[in-house]
Structures are given as structure tokens and as C-alpha cells.
């Protein structure tokens, strides 16, 4: 708990700096926009002004209405949402019966990841996405490891929570529900028949989630057109940004679903590895490059354990890795620069650390005695 409290103190310090002396890195742009729209809502809290695409700002406005329309209040709220995420993450480590020294190391990574410190201390949605995803992962582990079906309620609740924050999270929440159901019902082994049964369900539910969000988003926020297909939507989003120093070099020309499939590995490479060494020009770039190296090492640990493990341990590892890569793929498809990538990585940090530290879990070692 001392490690978590240390992380909370750091984030409150960043929130104080940003609110009264800053701005800190990551506190401008979207963070300031969410705050200012929240202030506007707090001054005239009527449903006619509600916009689905800005539901986080509406939530901030409601909090400001009850308290005070201060940037510090919004940032402090983010810090305490992170605190809840950290406690749930620690409970996941405890559930896996992680060896104490490795449990502390995993917590330190969760607490001290530089981009996570910056982006979970300001008025951004990422800290709330982190909360819902961490809660979803903990619920999934309880369902699979403990066969505790009561946690389906929390899994569904967390999927809904992440879904109302972002169109990509709406699809991901549905995917996660079906993924956990698939693993739970195929505990003894995977079969081609069950995969053929579940795959269309995943695709249909994800499509329905995205298109319904698109319809709702006409009431406000960013309009994303899906009527010409997912490939066209990705192309439109990727090309709809102004040039900047941190923009990815490769500009996709996605004119079909096949083109979209070819773009996936390119988008993942840029998302995980930019900035490359020859594109580094600021200290912030150096920090992101170093964090990318750390993320790559953690991924190597996670994938290595997947191939070395057997039985139920391998299934847990596979569940976490599929959930991790599905989430990162969604973000990668809509990310156009490494500054935004650093933000999006935050929501997946609990999945990444859990997957990389599974080799130090004693759950099945103790259960099999």
C-alpha cells in the first residue's frame, strides 16, 4: 500500500503544479478542452446541452456544479480515480498469488510509468479508461480462476463504463465480454467449432457497438462516418489531422478491407516503436523512446511465458495477451503521432504488466499441491 500511496502523492503534486503553476506536459490540448467544456456545463446544467461525445466533460461539469469549477478539482478527481485503479490492480496481483518481491516490482511499474504519471494527473479520459479496463481484467480473472460468476456483473458494468467514454472502447468492451465467455466455456480445451460459433458474435456485436455509437455521436462530439465501411472510417480519421513534428511518416491509403489488413502491422509498428532514434529531437522524445524499450521488454516477457507455460497457466496468459493486443490495436488504428500513442498506452498498462509478471504467479503451483 505504501507504493500506491507514493504514486498518489506524485500525482497530486503534478495536479497542483498543473493547476496553479503549469501547465505540465499533457495538461494542454484535450485536457484543457475537457475542463473548459466541463466549466461551461457547470454554469448551465441542463440536459439540452448534453452531448454524448463529451460525456466526460458533462461528468466534470456535474462535479464542478456540486463543488467548484477549478482545474485542480478535476485533476484531483483523476488522481483518486487512479488510486482506485491501483488498488484493483494490486488485488489482481494478490489473486494471482504473486511472489511478494515481484508483486512490489509490478506495482512500482504501474505507479512510476512516466507517461502514466503525466496523463493520469490531469483532466483526460485515459485514467477513467484505465479504471474500467483494470476492473474488467480483475473481474475476468475472478470469473476464470475462481469460477465466481457474480463478477459477471462488474465485468458488464466496466464494459459499459469504458464504452460510453470512447467509440473504440464500446467495441472493445463487447469483445472482452465474448472473449471471457469463450475462455470460461472452453476451460478444458479450445475447439474449432466453438471458435466458429463465437467469432461471428464478436464481429456482429463490435460492429453494432461502433455504428450505434456513431449514430449517438451526431448529438455532439467528433463525427465518425461508418456508412462507407470501417476501412473508409480509418482512412478518414488517419488523414484528418494537421502535420506536426511527432506525426508518423507513413500515410496510409486504405481503399478496401484488404488495404486495412495490410495497414494493421504498419500501424502497430508505428504505435509501439515511434519515435525511432533518428527522429528524436526533444527530452520528451527521449523519455518516450525509453518507455517504448521498457514496454518492448515487458512484451517479450509476456510472450515468452506464453510459449513456456502449459495448461491453465497458458490459457490465462493467452487471455491477457489477446485482451492486451486487441486494445492496443484499436488505439493503433486511430493514432497518428507518438504523443497520442503515449496517452493511449496508459489504458493498457495493467494488462501489459500482469501479462509480463505471470511467470512469478504461484496460483496454479499452490492450487496443484
Protein backbone atom coordinates (compact mmCIF):
# COMPACT_ATOMS: atom_id res chain seq x y z
CA UNK A 1 0.00 0.00 0.00
CA UNK A 2 2.94 2.35 0.61
CA UNK A 3 3.93 2.07 -3.05
CA UNK A 4 0.40 3.05 -4.12
CA UNK A 5 0.31 5.98 -1.70
CA UNK A 6 3.67 7.13 -3.06
CA UNK A 7 2.20 7.11 -6.56
CA UNK A 8 -0.84 9.08 -5.34
CA UNK A 9 1.40 11.75 -3.76
CA UNK A 10 3.35 12.13 -7.01
CA UNK A 11 0.15 12.57 -9.00
CA UNK A 12 -1.30 15.10 -6.56
CA UNK A 13 1.97 17.05 -6.82
CA UNK A 14 1.64 17.06 -10.63
CA UNK A 15 -2.00 18.15 -10.30
CA UNK A 16 -1.00 21.04 -8.02
CA UNK A 17 1.73 22.16 -10.39
CA UNK A 18 -0.56 21.94 -13.40
CA UNK A 19 -3.43 23.78 -11.71
CA UNK A 20 -1.55 26.67 -10.15
CA UNK A 21 1.87 26.96 -11.85
CA UNK A 22 1.85 24.83 -15.03
CA UNK A 23 0.75 23.60 -17.39
CA UNK A 24 2.53 20.29 -17.05
CA UNK A 25 3.17 18.00 -20.01
CA UNK A 26 -0.11 16.55 -21.25
CA UNK A 27 -2.20 19.18 -19.46
CA UNK A 28 -2.87 21.33 -22.52
CA UNK A 29 -4.90 20.46 -25.62
CA UNK A 30 -7.57 17.88 -24.92
CA UNK A 31 -7.15 18.03 -21.12
CA UNK A 32 -7.81 21.76 -21.05
CA UNK A 33 -10.67 21.43 -23.54
CA UNK A 34 -12.43 18.79 -21.44
CA UNK A 35 -12.04 21.04 -18.39
CA UNK A 36 -13.34 24.19 -20.09
CA UNK A 37 -16.38 22.40 -21.53
CA UNK A 38 -17.00 20.98 -18.06
CA UNK A 39 -16.91 24.52 -16.64
CA UNK A 40 -19.45 25.58 -19.27
CA UNK A 41 -21.75 22.69 -18.33
CA UNK A 42 -21.47 23.54 -14.62
CA UNK A 43 -22.78 27.04 -15.27
CA UNK A 44 -25.85 25.79 -17.10
CA UNK A 45 -26.50 22.16 -16.18
CA UNK A 46 -29.40 21.33 -18.50
CA UNK A 47 -29.98 18.14 -20.48
CA UNK A 48 -30.49 20.11 -23.70
CA UNK A 49 -26.77 20.86 -23.63
CA UNK A 50 -25.79 17.23 -23.14
CA UNK A 51 -23.55 15.76 -25.87
CA UNK A 52 -22.80 12.05 -25.93
CA UNK A 53 -19.36 12.58 -27.41
CA UNK A 54 -18.48 14.84 -24.47
CA UNK A 55 -19.89 12.72 -21.67
CA UNK A 56 -16.65 13.02 -19.67
CA UNK A 57 -16.89 16.82 -19.80
CA UNK A 58 -20.53 16.60 -18.73
CA UNK A 59 -19.44 14.47 -15.77
CA UNK A 60 -16.77 17.05 -14.89
CA UNK A 61 -19.40 19.78 -15.16
CA UNK A 62 -21.66 17.94 -12.73
CA UNK A 63 -18.77 17.60 -10.25
CA UNK A 64 -17.92 21.29 -10.69
CA UNK A 65 -21.59 22.16 -10.14
CA UNK A 66 -21.53 20.31 -6.80
CA UNK A 67 -18.12 21.66 -5.76
CA UNK A 68 -16.17 24.39 -7.55
CA UNK A 69 -15.18 24.84 -11.20
CA UNK A 70 -11.46 24.54 -10.60
CA UNK A 71 -8.90 22.72 -12.75
CA UNK A 72 -7.42 21.41 -9.52
CA UNK A 73 -10.73 19.73 -8.59
CA UNK A 74 -10.84 17.95 -11.96
CA UNK A 75 -7.18 16.91 -11.72
CA UNK A 76 -7.58 15.77 -8.11
CA UNK A 77 -10.53 13.64 -9.17
CA UNK A 78 -8.30 11.98 -11.80
CA UNK A 79 -5.72 11.24 -9.09
CA UNK A 80 -8.27 9.46 -6.91
CA UNK A 81 -9.68 7.53 -9.88
CA UNK A 82 -6.10 6.36 -10.48
CA UNK A 83 -5.90 5.36 -6.79
CA UNK A 84 -8.92 3.08 -7.21
CA UNK A 85 -7.31 1.57 -10.33
CA UNK A 86 -4.07 0.92 -8.44
CA UNK A 87 -5.91 -0.82 -5.58
CA UNK A 88 -7.80 -3.04 -8.04
CA UNK A 89 -4.54 -3.80 -9.87
CA UNK A 90 -2.94 -4.82 -6.56
CA UNK A 91 -5.92 -7.08 -5.87
CA UNK A 92 -5.29 -8.74 -9.26
CA UNK A 93 -1.67 -9.39 -8.26
CA UNK A 94 -2.87 -10.82 -4.94
CA UNK A 95 -5.41 -13.02 -6.75
CA UNK A 96 -2.59 -14.45 -8.87
CA UNK A 97 -0.61 -15.10 -5.66
CA UNK A 98 2.34 -13.18 -6.97
CA UNK A 99 5.59 -13.61 -5.05
CA UNK A 100 5.96 -10.55 -2.73
CA UNK A 101 9.10 -9.07 -4.27
CA UNK A 102 7.73 -9.40 -7.81
CA UNK A 103 4.36 -8.06 -6.70
CA UNK A 104 6.14 -4.93 -5.44
CA UNK A 105 8.07 -4.60 -8.70
CA UNK A 106 4.87 -4.89 -10.71
CA UNK A 107 3.28 -2.22 -8.53
CA UNK A 108 6.30 0.06 -8.97
CA UNK A 109 5.97 -0.22 -12.74
CA UNK A 110 2.26 0.57 -12.54
CA UNK A 111 2.94 3.55 -10.28
CA UNK A 112 6.04 5.03 -11.91
CA UNK A 113 5.47 4.60 -15.66
CA UNK A 114 6.34 8.19 -16.74
CA UNK A 115 3.54 8.70 -19.27
CA UNK A 116 1.02 7.25 -16.82
CA UNK A 117 2.08 9.76 -14.16
CA UNK A 118 1.55 12.68 -16.55
CA UNK A 119 -1.71 11.56 -18.13
CA UNK A 120 -3.45 10.23 -15.01
CA UNK A 121 -2.91 13.50 -13.12
CA UNK A 122 -4.87 15.75 -15.49
CA UNK A 123 -8.40 16.07 -16.85
CA UNK A 124 -8.19 13.35 -19.50
CA UNK A 125 -10.38 10.29 -20.10
CA UNK A 126 -7.40 7.90 -20.05
CA UNK A 127 -7.41 7.50 -16.27
CA UNK A 128 -11.10 6.51 -16.36
CA UNK A 129 -10.43 4.09 -19.19
CA UNK A 130 -7.62 2.62 -17.08
CA UNK A 131 -10.04 2.19 -14.18
CA UNK A 132 -12.69 0.36 -16.22
CA UNK A 133 -10.16 -1.86 -18.01
CA UNK A 134 -8.36 -2.76 -14.76
CA UNK A 135 -11.71 -3.57 -13.15
CA UNK A 136 -12.67 -5.65 -16.19
CA UNK A 137 -9.40 -7.61 -16.02
CA UNK A 138 -9.82 -8.27 -12.31
CA UNK A 139 -13.41 -9.43 -12.87
CA UNK A 140 -12.30 -11.69 -15.74
CA UNK A 141 -9.63 -13.27 -13.54
CA UNK A 142 -12.16 -13.87 -10.75
CA UNK A 143 -14.53 -15.48 -13.25
CA UNK A 144 -11.88 -17.70 -14.82
CA UNK A 145 -9.63 -18.56 -11.85
CA UNK A 146 -12.21 -18.67 -9.06
CA UNK A 147 -15.25 -19.57 -11.17
CA UNK A 148 -17.03 -16.69 -9.43
CA UNK A 149 -19.98 -15.88 -11.70
CA UNK A 150 -21.06 -12.93 -9.51
CA UNK A 151 -18.24 -10.94 -11.12
CA UNK A 152 -20.02 -11.01 -14.46
CA UNK A 153 -21.96 -8.00 -13.15
CA UNK A 154 -18.76 -6.00 -12.61
CA UNK A 155 -17.37 -7.13 -15.97
CA UNK A 156 -20.50 -5.95 -17.77
CA UNK A 157 -20.55 -2.72 -15.75
CA UNK A 158 -16.90 -1.96 -16.57
CA UNK A 159 -17.51 -2.76 -20.26
CA UNK A 160 -20.39 -0.29 -20.32
CA UNK A 161 -18.29 2.29 -18.48
CA UNK A 162 -15.44 2.16 -20.98
CA UNK A 163 -17.93 2.08 -23.86
CA UNK A 164 -19.58 5.40 -23.02
CA UNK A 165 -16.18 7.13 -22.98
CA UNK A 166 -14.98 6.28 -26.49
CA UNK A 167 -16.23 4.60 -29.68
CA UNK A 168 -13.26 2.21 -29.72
CA UNK A 169 -13.92 1.21 -26.13
CA UNK A 170 -17.55 0.41 -26.98
CA UNK A 171 -16.34 -2.24 -29.44
CA UNK A 172 -13.58 -3.40 -27.10
CA UNK A 173 -15.99 -3.83 -24.18
CA UNK A 174 -18.22 -6.10 -26.25
CA UNK A 175 -15.19 -8.03 -27.50
CA UNK A 176 -13.94 -8.52 -23.94
CA UNK A 177 -17.27 -9.93 -22.76
CA UNK A 178 -17.34 -12.51 -25.54
CA UNK A 179 -13.63 -13.31 -25.03
CA UNK A 180 -14.09 -14.10 -21.34
CA UNK A 181 -17.22 -16.14 -22.09
CA UNK A 182 -15.28 -18.12 -24.70
CA UNK A 183 -12.43 -18.90 -22.29
CA UNK A 184 -14.80 -19.76 -19.46
CA UNK A 185 -16.83 -22.22 -21.56
CA UNK A 186 -13.70 -23.80 -23.09
CA UNK A 187 -11.77 -24.32 -19.88
CA UNK A 188 -10.70 -27.89 -20.78
CA UNK A 189 -9.58 -27.07 -24.30
CA UNK A 190 -10.29 -24.93 -27.35
CA UNK A 191 -12.29 -26.32 -30.23
CA UNK A 192 -12.69 -25.13 -33.81
CA UNK A 193 -16.48 -25.48 -33.53
CA UNK A 194 -16.70 -23.08 -30.59
CA UNK A 195 -14.37 -20.61 -32.32
CA UNK A 196 -16.56 -20.66 -35.44
CA UNK A 197 -19.57 -20.04 -33.18
CA UNK A 198 -18.08 -17.16 -31.19
CA UNK A 199 -16.22 -15.27 -33.93
CA UNK A 200 -19.32 -14.02 -35.79
CA UNK A 201 -20.81 -12.93 -32.45
CA UNK A 202 -17.71 -10.84 -31.70
CA UNK A 203 -17.78 -9.24 -35.14
CA UNK A 204 -21.51 -8.50 -35.09
CA UNK A 205 -21.54 -7.07 -31.56
CA UNK A 206 -18.45 -4.95 -32.24
CA UNK A 207 -19.98 -3.63 -35.47
CA UNK A 208 -23.25 -2.85 -33.70
CA UNK A 209 -21.41 -1.07 -30.89
CA UNK A 210 -19.44 1.10 -33.31
CA UNK A 211 -22.34 2.01 -35.59
CA UNK A 212 -24.70 2.78 -32.69
CA UNK A 213 -22.07 4.99 -31.13
CA UNK A 214 -21.72 6.71 -34.50
CA UNK A 215 -25.47 7.43 -34.55
CA UNK A 216 -25.36 8.76 -30.99
CA UNK A 217 -22.33 10.91 -31.78
CA UNK A 218 -24.47 13.02 -34.14
CA UNK A 219 -25.70 14.75 -30.97
CA UNK A 220 -22.22 16.15 -30.44
CA UNK A 221 -18.52 15.44 -30.38
CA UNK A 222 -16.41 14.08 -33.22
CA UNK A 223 -18.45 12.67 -36.06
CA UNK A 224 -17.03 9.39 -37.36
CA UNK A 225 -18.54 8.12 -40.61
CA UNK A 226 -19.01 4.35 -40.82
CA UNK A 227 -21.57 4.25 -43.60
CA UNK A 228 -18.81 3.57 -46.15
CA UNK A 229 -17.21 0.85 -44.04
CA UNK A 230 -14.58 0.54 -41.35
CA UNK A 231 -11.69 0.89 -43.81
CA UNK A 232 -13.00 4.24 -45.06
CA UNK A 233 -13.52 5.43 -41.49
CA UNK A 234 -9.92 4.60 -40.57
CA UNK A 235 -8.63 6.31 -43.73
CA UNK A 236 -10.69 9.43 -42.99
CA UNK A 237 -9.50 9.62 -39.40
CA UNK A 238 -5.85 8.99 -40.27
CA UNK A 239 -5.81 11.72 -42.93
CA UNK A 240 -7.87 14.25 -40.98
CA UNK A 241 -5.04 15.73 -38.88
CA UNK A 242 -2.70 18.65 -39.40
CA UNK A 243 1.00 17.96 -39.92
CA UNK A 244 3.17 18.09 -36.80
CA UNK A 245 6.70 17.13 -35.80
CA UNK A 246 5.58 13.97 -33.98
CA UNK A 247 3.36 12.71 -36.82
CA UNK A 248 4.03 9.23 -38.19
CA UNK A 249 5.86 9.24 -41.51
CA UNK A 250 3.74 6.59 -43.22
CA UNK A 251 0.43 7.97 -44.53
CA UNK A 252 -1.97 5.14 -45.35
CA UNK A 253 -4.07 4.89 -48.48
CA UNK A 254 -6.76 2.48 -47.36
CA UNK A 255 -9.19 1.88 -50.20
CA UNK A 256 -10.51 -1.56 -49.22
CA UNK A 257 -10.77 -4.03 -46.38
CA UNK A 258 -7.65 -5.78 -47.74
CA UNK A 259 -5.83 -2.46 -47.58
CA UNK A 260 -6.94 -2.13 -43.97
CA UNK A 261 -5.49 -5.57 -43.16
CA UNK A 262 -2.16 -4.58 -44.69
CA UNK A 263 -2.18 -1.35 -42.70
CA UNK A 264 -2.60 -3.17 -39.35
CA UNK A 265 1.06 -4.30 -38.94
CA UNK A 266 2.28 -0.86 -40.07
CA UNK A 267 0.04 0.93 -37.59
CA UNK A 268 1.13 -1.39 -34.76
CA UNK A 269 4.82 -0.87 -35.57
CA UNK A 270 4.47 2.92 -35.55
CA UNK A 271 2.29 2.84 -32.46
CA UNK A 272 4.72 0.71 -30.43
CA UNK A 273 8.12 1.97 -31.66
CA UNK A 274 7.87 5.63 -32.64
CA UNK A 275 9.80 7.81 -32.13
CA UNK A 276 12.66 5.94 -33.75
CA UNK A 277 16.17 7.05 -32.63
CA UNK A 278 16.77 9.19 -35.75
CA UNK A 279 13.55 11.13 -35.13
CA UNK A 280 14.29 12.06 -31.51
CA UNK A 281 14.70 15.81 -31.04
CA UNK A 282 13.47 16.63 -27.51
CA UNK A 283 13.85 15.27 -23.98
CA UNK A 284 10.21 14.20 -24.14
CA UNK A 285 11.07 12.08 -27.21
CA UNK A 286 13.95 10.50 -25.27
CA UNK A 287 11.56 9.63 -22.42
CA UNK A 288 9.04 8.10 -24.83
CA UNK A 289 11.75 6.12 -26.62
CA UNK A 290 12.99 4.76 -23.26
CA UNK A 291 9.45 3.86 -22.26
CA UNK A 292 8.97 2.08 -25.58
CA UNK A 293 12.07 -0.02 -24.83
CA UNK A 294 10.65 -0.92 -21.42
CA UNK A 295 7.30 -1.78 -23.00
CA UNK A 296 9.06 -3.98 -25.54
CA UNK A 297 10.92 -5.81 -22.78
CA UNK A 298 7.69 -6.41 -20.86
CA UNK A 299 6.04 -7.72 -24.03
CA UNK A 300 8.96 -10.07 -24.56
CA UNK A 301 8.50 -11.40 -21.01
CA UNK A 302 4.76 -11.90 -21.57
CA UNK A 303 5.11 -13.67 -24.93
CA UNK A 304 8.00 -15.82 -23.64
CA UNK A 305 5.88 -17.02 -20.74
CA UNK A 306 3.02 -17.82 -23.11
CA UNK A 307 5.24 -20.25 -25.06
CA UNK A 308 6.92 -21.73 -21.96
CA UNK A 309 3.77 -22.24 -19.90
CA UNK A 310 1.35 -25.17 -20.07
CA UNK A 311 -2.24 -26.00 -19.22
CA UNK A 312 -4.31 -23.39 -17.41
CA UNK A 313 -1.33 -21.08 -16.94
CA UNK A 314 -1.02 -20.79 -20.70
CA UNK A 315 -4.74 -20.09 -21.04
CA UNK A 316 -4.58 -17.25 -18.51
CA UNK A 317 -1.56 -15.84 -20.34
CA UNK A 318 -3.34 -16.13 -23.68
CA UNK A 319 -6.46 -14.44 -22.31
CA UNK A 320 -4.46 -11.46 -21.03
CA UNK A 321 -2.36 -11.13 -24.19
CA UNK A 322 -5.37 -11.29 -26.52
CA UNK A 323 -7.12 -8.65 -24.40
CA UNK A 324 -3.95 -6.51 -24.45
CA UNK A 325 -3.26 -6.68 -28.18
CA UNK A 326 -6.93 -6.15 -29.07
CA UNK A 327 -6.97 -2.96 -27.03
CA UNK A 328 -3.69 -1.66 -28.41
CA UNK A 329 -4.77 -2.50 -31.97
CA UNK A 330 -7.89 -0.37 -31.60
CA UNK A 331 -5.80 2.57 -30.43
CA UNK A 332 -3.11 2.00 -33.09
CA UNK A 333 -5.65 2.20 -35.93
CA UNK A 334 -6.69 5.69 -34.88
CA UNK A 335 -3.34 7.11 -33.70
CA UNK A 336 -1.36 9.44 -35.94
CA UNK A 337 1.52 10.63 -33.70
CA UNK A 338 3.62 9.33 -30.83
CA UNK A 339 2.32 11.91 -28.38
CA UNK A 340 -1.20 10.48 -28.69
CA UNK A 341 0.24 6.95 -28.58
CA UNK A 342 1.79 7.69 -25.17
CA UNK A 343 -1.68 8.65 -23.91
CA UNK A 344 -3.38 5.57 -25.33
CA UNK A 345 -0.79 3.19 -23.87
CA UNK A 346 -1.92 4.29 -20.40
CA UNK A 347 -5.24 2.43 -20.53
CA UNK A 348 -3.47 -0.87 -21.32
CA UNK A 349 -0.72 -0.68 -18.68
CA UNK A 350 -2.42 -3.04 -16.20
CA UNK A 351 -2.84 -5.74 -18.89
CA UNK A 352 0.78 -5.37 -20.00
CA UNK A 353 2.26 -5.66 -16.50
CA UNK A 354 0.02 -8.56 -15.49
CA UNK A 355 0.94 -10.47 -18.64
CA UNK A 356 4.67 -9.90 -18.19
CA UNK A 357 4.68 -10.90 -14.50
CA UNK A 358 2.53 -14.04 -14.82
CA UNK A 359 5.65 -16.22 -14.65
CA UNK A 360 6.01 -15.16 -10.99
CA UNK A 361 2.46 -16.22 -10.10
CA UNK A 362 2.02 -19.04 -7.62
CA UNK A 363 -1.69 -19.54 -8.24
CA UNK A 364 -1.50 -22.88 -10.02
CA UNK A 365 1.58 -24.00 -8.11
CA UNK A 366 -0.33 -23.67 -4.84
CA UNK A 367 -3.63 -24.96 -6.26
CA UNK A 368 -2.00 -28.14 -7.59
CA UNK A 369 -0.44 -29.13 -4.27
